[in-house]
């Protein structure tokens, strides 16, 4: 399967797939007689996993470390768990920060709404 087909099936741009390949993140990529990348079912699964982890804001260095551990099977499970746990903590901190920002914005909006409704009532009374 070509890079364009892999891109269509995974929803990841061909540019990103090439970048991940250059970073040696995707196993199972071979080259045909024209030196074009050929993707296996396994490589498509890895591309989807990378895309998911990137959307979860995991740095590529951590993704590489995680993917390098996968062939180790159950022996590397604690290390893989630790990587995911670290990412979970990072996301929870980001989520809390976003919640704090949202609370501030909602407080400001409520203040403005109260001031605007008071101003409109004063204008109506004239």
C-alpha atoms as a PDB file:
ATOM      1  CA  UNK A   1       0.000   0.000   0.000  1.00  0.00           C
ATOM      2  CA  UNK A   2       1.319   3.466  -0.913  1.00  0.00           C
ATOM      3  CA  UNK A   3       1.765   6.486   1.314  1.00  0.00           C
ATOM      4  CA  UNK A   4      -1.317   8.133  -0.205  1.00  0.00           C
ATOM      5  CA  UNK A   5      -3.415   5.075   0.582  1.00  0.00           C
ATOM      6  CA  UNK A   6      -1.958   4.914   4.088  1.00  0.00           C
ATOM      7  CA  UNK A   7      -2.767   8.582   4.537  1.00  0.00           C
ATOM      8  CA  UNK A   8      -6.360   8.081   3.433  1.00  0.00           C
ATOM      9  CA  UNK A   9      -6.855   5.045   5.675  1.00  0.00           C
ATOM     10  CA  UNK A  10      -5.311   6.584   8.783  1.00  0.00           C
ATOM     11  CA  UNK A  11      -6.364  10.203   8.394  1.00  0.00           C
ATOM     12  CA  UNK A  12      -2.730  11.258   8.865  1.00  0.00           C
ATOM     13  CA  UNK A  13      -1.152  13.465   6.232  1.00  0.00           C
ATOM     14  CA  UNK A  14       1.474  11.994   3.928  1.00  0.00           C
ATOM     15  CA  UNK A  15       3.818  14.718   5.162  1.00  0.00           C
ATOM     16  CA  UNK A  16       3.410  13.546   8.774  1.00  0.00           C
ATOM     17  CA  UNK A  17       3.823   9.901   7.788  1.00  0.00           C
ATOM     18  CA  UNK A  18       7.075  10.739   6.015  1.00  0.00           C
ATOM     19  CA  UNK A  19       8.237  12.645   9.080  1.00  0.00           C
ATOM     20  CA  UNK A  20       7.403   9.735  11.388  1.00  0.00           C
ATOM     21  CA  UNK A  21       9.220   7.386   9.026  1.00  0.00           C
ATOM     22  CA  UNK A  22      12.303   9.623   9.028  1.00  0.00           C
ATOM     23  CA  UNK A  23      12.204   9.501  12.834  1.00  0.00           C
ATOM     24  CA  UNK A  24      12.091   5.677  12.569  1.00  0.00           C
ATOM     25  CA  UNK A  25       8.807   5.447  14.440  1.00  0.00           C
ATOM     26  CA  UNK A  26       6.947   3.186  12.012  1.00  0.00           C
ATOM     27  CA  UNK A  27       7.943  -0.468  11.675  1.00  0.00           C
ATOM     28  CA  UNK A  28       7.038  -2.602   8.684  1.00  0.00           C
ATOM     29  CA  UNK A  29       7.696  -0.050   5.976  1.00  0.00           C
ATOM     30  CA  UNK A  30       9.443  -1.506   2.972  1.00  0.00           C
ATOM     31  CA  UNK A  31      10.427   0.053  -0.339  1.00  0.00           C
ATOM     32  CA  UNK A  32       9.339  -1.126  -3.768  1.00  0.00           C
ATOM     33  CA  UNK A  33      11.459  -1.244  -6.924  1.00  0.00           C
ATOM     34  CA  UNK A  34      10.852   2.497  -7.391  1.00  0.00           C
ATOM     35  CA  UNK A  35      11.988   3.216  -3.815  1.00  0.00           C
ATOM     36  CA  UNK A  36       8.456   4.189  -2.776  1.00  0.00           C
ATOM     37  CA  UNK A  37       7.310   3.346   0.723  1.00  0.00           C
ATOM     38  CA  UNK A  38       5.009   0.356   1.099  1.00  0.00           C
ATOM     39  CA  UNK A  39       2.929   0.040   4.253  1.00  0.00           C
ATOM     40  CA  UNK A  40       1.767  -3.080   6.062  1.00  0.00           C
ATOM     41  CA  UNK A  41      -1.272  -3.503   8.293  1.00  0.00           C
ATOM     42  CA  UNK A  42       1.045  -3.232  11.297  1.00  0.00           C
ATOM     43  CA  UNK A  43       2.524   0.034  10.089  1.00  0.00           C
ATOM     44  CA  UNK A  44      -1.007   1.447   9.674  1.00  0.00           C
ATOM     45  CA  UNK A  45      -1.832   0.501  13.273  1.00  0.00           C
ATOM     46  CA  UNK A  46       1.318   2.236  14.478  1.00  0.00           C
ATOM     47  CA  UNK A  47       0.507   5.362  12.456  1.00  0.00           C
ATOM     48  CA  UNK A  48      -2.943   5.479  14.070  1.00  0.00           C
ATOM     49  CA  UNK A  49      -1.370   5.023  17.508  1.00  0.00           C
ATOM     50  CA  UNK A  50       1.152   7.797  16.863  1.00  0.00           C
ATOM     51  CA  UNK A  51      -1.641  10.106  15.701  1.00  0.00           C
ATOM     52  CA  UNK A  52      -3.650   9.375  18.845  1.00  0.00           C
ATOM     53  CA  UNK A  53      -0.675   9.962  21.130  1.00  0.00           C
ATOM     54  CA  UNK A  54       0.219  13.177  19.303  1.00  0.00           C
ATOM     55  CA  UNK A  55      -3.359  14.407  19.727  1.00  0.00           C
ATOM     56  CA  UNK A  56      -2.890  13.672  23.422  1.00  0.00           C
ATOM     57  CA  UNK A  57       0.133  16.027  23.281  1.00  0.00           C
ATOM     58  CA  UNK A  58       2.707  13.302  23.861  1.00  0.00           C
ATOM     59  CA  UNK A  59       6.153  14.396  22.676  1.00  0.00           C
ATOM     60  CA  UNK A  60       7.692  12.399  19.830  1.00  0.00           C
ATOM     61  CA  UNK A  61      10.615  11.406  22.037  1.00  0.00           C
ATOM     62  CA  UNK A  62       8.209   9.696  24.453  1.00  0.00           C
ATOM     63  CA  UNK A  63       6.320   8.096  21.577  1.00  0.00           C
ATOM     64  CA  UNK A  64       9.586   6.730  20.199  1.00  0.00           C
ATOM     65  CA  UNK A  65      10.552   5.389  23.614  1.00  0.00           C
ATOM     66  CA  UNK A  66       7.123   3.755  23.945  1.00  0.00           C
ATOM     67  CA  UNK A  67       7.223   2.227  20.453  1.00  0.00           C
ATOM     68  CA  UNK A  68      10.769   0.949  21.004  1.00  0.00           C
ATOM     69  CA  UNK A  69       9.499  -0.915  24.067  1.00  0.00           C
ATOM     70  CA  UNK A  70       6.576  -2.636  22.299  1.00  0.00           C
ATOM     71  CA  UNK A  71       8.557  -5.582  20.862  1.00  0.00           C
ATOM     72  CA  UNK A  72       9.683  -6.438  24.415  1.00  0.00           C
ATOM     73  CA  UNK A  73       6.226  -7.761  25.234  1.00  0.00           C
ATOM     74  CA  UNK A  74       5.241  -8.231  28.859  1.00  0.00           C
ATOM     75  CA  UNK A  75       8.775  -7.566  30.074  1.00  0.00           C
ATOM     76  CA  UNK A  76       8.522  -3.923  29.037  1.00  0.00           C
ATOM     77  CA  UNK A  77       4.955  -3.450  30.211  1.00  0.00           C
ATOM     78  CA  UNK A  78       5.944  -1.605  33.423  1.00  0.00           C
ATOM     79  CA  UNK A  79       8.052   0.873  31.427  1.00  0.00           C
ATOM     80  CA  UNK A  80       5.238   1.407  28.912  1.00  0.00           C
ATOM     81  CA  UNK A  81       2.789   1.855  31.770  1.00  0.00           C
ATOM     82  CA  UNK A  82       5.063   4.496  33.287  1.00  0.00           C
ATOM     83  CA  UNK A  83       5.169   6.417  30.010  1.00  0.00           C
ATOM     84  CA  UNK A  84       1.369   6.390  29.779  1.00  0.00           C
ATOM     85  CA  UNK A  85       1.043   7.329  33.445  1.00  0.00           C
ATOM     86  CA  UNK A  86       3.374  10.297  32.929  1.00  0.00           C
ATOM     87  CA  UNK A  87       1.309  11.419  29.933  1.00  0.00           C
ATOM     88  CA  UNK A  88      -1.885  11.027  31.933  1.00  0.00           C
ATOM     89  CA  UNK A  89      -0.499  13.296  34.659  1.00  0.00           C
ATOM     90  CA  UNK A  90       0.545  15.847  32.062  1.00  0.00           C
ATOM     91  CA  UNK A  91      -2.921  15.834  30.489  1.00  0.00           C
ATOM     92  CA  UNK A  92      -4.619  16.122  33.883  1.00  0.00           C
ATOM     93  CA  UNK A  93      -2.468  19.163  34.691  1.00  0.00           C
ATOM     94  CA  UNK A  94      -3.348  20.711  31.323  1.00  0.00           C
ATOM     95  CA  UNK A  95      -7.008  19.946  31.906  1.00  0.00           C
ATOM     96  CA  UNK A  96      -6.896  21.651  35.311  1.00  0.00           C
ATOM     97  CA  UNK A  97      -5.179  24.699  33.818  1.00  0.00           C
ATOM     98  CA  UNK A  98      -7.834  24.902  31.097  1.00  0.00           C
ATOM     99  CA  UNK A  99     -10.573  24.581  33.717  1.00  0.00           C
ATOM    100  CA  UNK A 100      -8.992  27.439  35.680  1.00  0.00           C
ATOM    101  CA  UNK A 101      -8.852  29.585  32.531  1.00  0.00           C
ATOM    102  CA  UNK A 102     -12.468  28.767  31.724  1.00  0.00           C
ATOM    103  CA  UNK A 103     -13.561  29.695  35.249  1.00  0.00           C
ATOM    104  CA  UNK A 104     -11.808  33.063  34.945  1.00  0.00           C
ATOM    105  CA  UNK A 105     -13.452  33.750  31.581  1.00  0.00           C
ATOM    106  CA  UNK A 106     -16.886  32.749  32.892  1.00  0.00           C
ATOM    107  CA  UNK A 107     -16.422  35.030  35.923  1.00  0.00           C
ATOM    108  CA  UNK A 108     -15.491  37.938  33.657  1.00  0.00           C
ATOM    109  CA  UNK A 109     -18.448  37.243  31.376  1.00  0.00           C
ATOM    110  CA  UNK A 110     -20.856  37.125  34.330  1.00  0.00           C
ATOM    111  CA  UNK A 111     -19.476  40.443  35.558  1.00  0.00           C
ATOM    112  CA  UNK A 112     -19.904  42.026  32.126  1.00  0.00           C
ATOM    113  CA  UNK A 113     -23.430  40.618  31.792  1.00  0.00           C
ATOM    114  CA  UNK A 114     -24.389  42.054  35.167  1.00  0.00           C
ATOM    115  CA  UNK A 115     -22.917  45.461  34.283  1.00  0.00           C
ATOM    116  CA  UNK A 116     -24.573  45.495  30.860  1.00  0.00           C
ATOM    117  CA  UNK A 117     -27.992  44.551  32.237  1.00  0.00           C
ATOM    118  CA  UNK A 118     -27.697  47.282  34.900  1.00  0.00           C
ATOM    119  CA  UNK A 119     -26.659  49.809  32.252  1.00  0.00           C
ATOM    120  CA  UNK A 120     -29.548  48.792  30.006  1.00  0.00           C
ATOM    121  CA  UNK A 121     -32.031  49.111  32.877  1.00  0.00           C
ATOM    122  CA  UNK A 122     -30.775  52.612  33.637  1.00  0.00           C
ATOM    123  CA  UNK A 123     -31.155  53.551  29.973  1.00  0.00           C
ATOM    124  CA  UNK A 124     -34.692  52.131  29.914  1.00  0.00           C
ATOM    125  CA  UNK A 125     -35.708  54.148  32.963  1.00  0.00           C
ATOM    126  CA  UNK A 126     -34.847  57.450  31.323  1.00  0.00           C
END
